[in-house]
């Protein structure tokens, strides 16, 4: 079972879309969170512990994740998707981009 955690800033558009898109994939469980102070679901150490793969939307998220949660990331694979904050929730272009970028990681395990 792959437990994929998707992280963006506010947990309003990109990461919840990713959580929704991959939730129905066989052998995959999903969750999402944000690194911003006013995120809908602020990232917790428990979520990091739960995840077998962590996907961040931008390099800035990877940097903030490393600074804020370094003790919890030991051995965790963090993948940067390089998806800018210019999409709406479940926007077709975002869904296609996520499938193209995340899909190969979820299929290879």
C-alpha atoms as a PDB file:
ATOM      1  CA  UNK A   1       0.000   0.000   0.000  1.00  0.00           C
ATOM      2  CA  UNK A   2       1.296   3.437  -0.962  1.00  0.00           C
ATOM      3  CA  UNK A   3       0.339   6.270   1.388  1.00  0.00           C
ATOM      4  CA  UNK A   4       0.758   9.472  -0.639  1.00  0.00           C
ATOM      5  CA  UNK A   5       0.813  12.826   1.120  1.00  0.00           C
ATOM      6  CA  UNK A   6       0.344  15.938  -1.042  1.00  0.00           C
ATOM      7  CA  UNK A   7       1.524  19.311   0.242  1.00  0.00           C
ATOM      8  CA  UNK A   8       1.019  22.869  -1.005  1.00  0.00           C
ATOM      9  CA  UNK A   9       0.712  26.205   0.773  1.00  0.00           C
ATOM     10  CA  UNK A  10      -2.926  26.644   1.758  1.00  0.00           C
ATOM     11  CA  UNK A  11      -4.328  23.128   1.150  1.00  0.00           C
ATOM     12  CA  UNK A  12      -7.148  24.670  -0.873  1.00  0.00           C
ATOM     13  CA  UNK A  13      -6.435  23.938  -4.547  1.00  0.00           C
ATOM     14  CA  UNK A  14      -3.482  21.818  -5.651  1.00  0.00           C
ATOM     15  CA  UNK A  15      -2.948  19.351  -2.817  1.00  0.00           C
ATOM     16  CA  UNK A  16      -6.677  18.638  -2.228  1.00  0.00           C
ATOM     17  CA  UNK A  17      -7.040  18.073  -5.978  1.00  0.00           C
ATOM     18  CA  UNK A  18      -4.176  15.573  -5.899  1.00  0.00           C
ATOM     19  CA  UNK A  19      -5.666  13.876  -2.841  1.00  0.00           C
ATOM     20  CA  UNK A  20      -9.003  13.509  -4.654  1.00  0.00           C
ATOM     21  CA  UNK A  21      -7.521  12.372  -7.990  1.00  0.00           C
ATOM     22  CA  UNK A  22      -5.400   9.568  -6.554  1.00  0.00           C
ATOM     23  CA  UNK A  23      -7.770   8.452  -3.756  1.00  0.00           C
ATOM     24  CA  UNK A  24      -9.477   6.005  -6.120  1.00  0.00           C
ATOM     25  CA  UNK A  25      -6.261   4.436  -7.428  1.00  0.00           C
ATOM     26  CA  UNK A  26      -5.854   0.805  -6.355  1.00  0.00           C
ATOM     27  CA  UNK A  27      -3.235   0.295  -3.669  1.00  0.00           C
ATOM     28  CA  UNK A  28      -3.042   4.025  -2.888  1.00  0.00           C
ATOM     29  CA  UNK A  29      -4.229   5.947   0.161  1.00  0.00           C
ATOM     30  CA  UNK A  30      -4.054   9.736   0.049  1.00  0.00           C
ATOM     31  CA  UNK A  31      -3.951  12.738   2.341  1.00  0.00           C
ATOM     32  CA  UNK A  32      -3.133  16.412   1.875  1.00  0.00           C
ATOM     33  CA  UNK A  33      -2.044  19.385   3.930  1.00  0.00           C
ATOM     34  CA  UNK A  34      -0.647  22.888   3.685  1.00  0.00           C
ATOM     35  CA  UNK A  35       2.471  24.543   5.014  1.00  0.00           C
ATOM     36  CA  UNK A  36       0.935  28.014   5.352  1.00  0.00           C
ATOM     37  CA  UNK A  37      -0.124  29.380   8.728  1.00  0.00           C
ATOM     38  CA  UNK A  38      -3.753  29.585   7.610  1.00  0.00           C
ATOM     39  CA  UNK A  39      -3.889  26.324   5.652  1.00  0.00           C
ATOM     40  CA  UNK A  40      -7.232  24.495   5.619  1.00  0.00           C
ATOM     41  CA  UNK A  41      -5.413  21.446   7.009  1.00  0.00           C
ATOM     42  CA  UNK A  42      -2.040  22.429   8.500  1.00  0.00           C
ATOM     43  CA  UNK A  43       0.655  19.777   8.043  1.00  0.00           C
ATOM     44  CA  UNK A  44       1.286  17.658  11.130  1.00  0.00           C
ATOM     45  CA  UNK A  45       4.124  15.325  12.129  1.00  0.00           C
ATOM     46  CA  UNK A  46       1.557  12.510  12.248  1.00  0.00           C
ATOM     47  CA  UNK A  47       0.789  12.970   8.555  1.00  0.00           C
ATOM     48  CA  UNK A  48       4.479  12.792   7.689  1.00  0.00           C
ATOM     49  CA  UNK A  49       4.867   9.659   9.796  1.00  0.00           C
ATOM     50  CA  UNK A  50       1.851   8.094   8.044  1.00  0.00           C
ATOM     51  CA  UNK A  51       3.119   8.793   4.507  1.00  0.00           C
ATOM     52  CA  UNK A  52       5.281   6.454   2.457  1.00  0.00           C
ATOM     53  CA  UNK A  53       5.686   9.117  -0.272  1.00  0.00           C
ATOM     54  CA  UNK A  54       5.494  12.895   0.075  1.00  0.00           C
ATOM     55  CA  UNK A  55       4.741  15.127  -2.895  1.00  0.00           C
ATOM     56  CA  UNK A  56       5.275  18.881  -2.704  1.00  0.00           C
ATOM     57  CA  UNK A  57       4.022  21.253  -5.381  1.00  0.00           C
ATOM     58  CA  UNK A  58       7.012  23.656  -5.467  1.00  0.00           C
ATOM     59  CA  UNK A  59      10.667  23.819  -4.406  1.00  0.00           C
ATOM     60  CA  UNK A  60       9.718  26.420  -1.803  1.00  0.00           C
ATOM     61  CA  UNK A  61       7.470  23.793  -0.196  1.00  0.00           C
ATOM     62  CA  UNK A  62      10.339  21.301  -0.068  1.00  0.00           C
ATOM     63  CA  UNK A  63      12.555  23.905   1.600  1.00  0.00           C
ATOM     64  CA  UNK A  64       9.910  24.896   4.149  1.00  0.00           C
ATOM     65  CA  UNK A  65       9.100  21.245   4.834  1.00  0.00           C
ATOM     66  CA  UNK A  66      12.774  20.488   5.471  1.00  0.00           C
ATOM     67  CA  UNK A  67      13.198  23.453   7.803  1.00  0.00           C
ATOM     68  CA  UNK A  68       9.991  23.007   9.769  1.00  0.00           C
ATOM     69  CA  UNK A  69       9.758  19.191   9.930  1.00  0.00           C
ATOM     70  CA  UNK A  70      13.336  17.930   9.472  1.00  0.00           C
ATOM     71  CA  UNK A  71      13.274  15.538  12.485  1.00  0.00           C
ATOM     72  CA  UNK A  72      10.228  13.745  11.013  1.00  0.00           C
ATOM     73  CA  UNK A  73      11.553  13.346   7.458  1.00  0.00           C
ATOM     74  CA  UNK A  74      14.223  10.734   8.195  1.00  0.00           C
ATOM     75  CA  UNK A  75      14.162   8.282   5.289  1.00  0.00           C
ATOM     76  CA  UNK A  76      11.087   9.826   3.667  1.00  0.00           C
ATOM     77  CA  UNK A  77      11.036  10.297  -0.091  1.00  0.00           C
ATOM     78  CA  UNK A  78      10.031  13.887  -0.949  1.00  0.00           C
ATOM     79  CA  UNK A  79       9.196  14.525  -4.607  1.00  0.00           C
ATOM     80  CA  UNK A  80       8.862  18.052  -5.981  1.00  0.00           C
ATOM     81  CA  UNK A  81       6.262  18.284  -8.761  1.00  0.00           C
ATOM     82  CA  UNK A  82       7.051  21.857  -9.863  1.00  0.00           C
ATOM     83  CA  UNK A  83       3.379  22.767 -10.235  1.00  0.00           C
ATOM     84  CA  UNK A  84       2.801  26.521  -9.804  1.00  0.00           C
ATOM     85  CA  UNK A  85      -0.134  28.002  -7.911  1.00  0.00           C
ATOM     86  CA  UNK A  86      -2.168  28.943 -10.983  1.00  0.00           C
ATOM     87  CA  UNK A  87      -4.917  26.331 -11.043  1.00  0.00           C
ATOM     88  CA  UNK A  88      -8.354  25.976  -9.507  1.00  0.00           C
ATOM     89  CA  UNK A  89      -9.541  22.984  -7.487  1.00  0.00           C
ATOM     90  CA  UNK A  90     -10.116  19.992  -9.813  1.00  0.00           C
ATOM     91  CA  UNK A  91      -9.300  22.112 -12.890  1.00  0.00           C
ATOM     92  CA  UNK A  92      -8.895  19.745 -15.857  1.00  0.00           C
ATOM     93  CA  UNK A  93      -5.384  21.000 -16.693  1.00  0.00           C
ATOM     94  CA  UNK A  94      -4.279  20.466 -13.092  1.00  0.00           C
ATOM     95  CA  UNK A  95      -5.726  16.947 -13.009  1.00  0.00           C
ATOM     96  CA  UNK A  96      -3.909  16.031 -16.237  1.00  0.00           C
ATOM     97  CA  UNK A  97      -0.649  17.533 -14.972  1.00  0.00           C
ATOM     98  CA  UNK A  98      -0.904  15.651 -11.676  1.00  0.00           C
ATOM     99  CA  UNK A  99      -1.609  12.348 -13.440  1.00  0.00           C
ATOM    100  CA  UNK A 100       1.396  12.890 -15.720  1.00  0.00           C
ATOM    101  CA  UNK A 101       3.775  13.835 -12.888  1.00  0.00           C
ATOM    102  CA  UNK A 102       2.570  11.670  -9.982  1.00  0.00           C
ATOM    103  CA  UNK A 103       1.240   8.656 -11.870  1.00  0.00           C
ATOM    104  CA  UNK A 104       4.656   7.170 -12.734  1.00  0.00           C
ATOM    105  CA  UNK A 105       5.729   7.260  -9.067  1.00  0.00           C
ATOM    106  CA  UNK A 106       2.576   5.481  -7.923  1.00  0.00           C
ATOM    107  CA  UNK A 107       2.779   2.873 -10.686  1.00  0.00           C
ATOM    108  CA  UNK A 108       6.437   1.990 -10.118  1.00  0.00           C
ATOM    109  CA  UNK A 109       5.905   0.571  -6.628  1.00  0.00           C
END
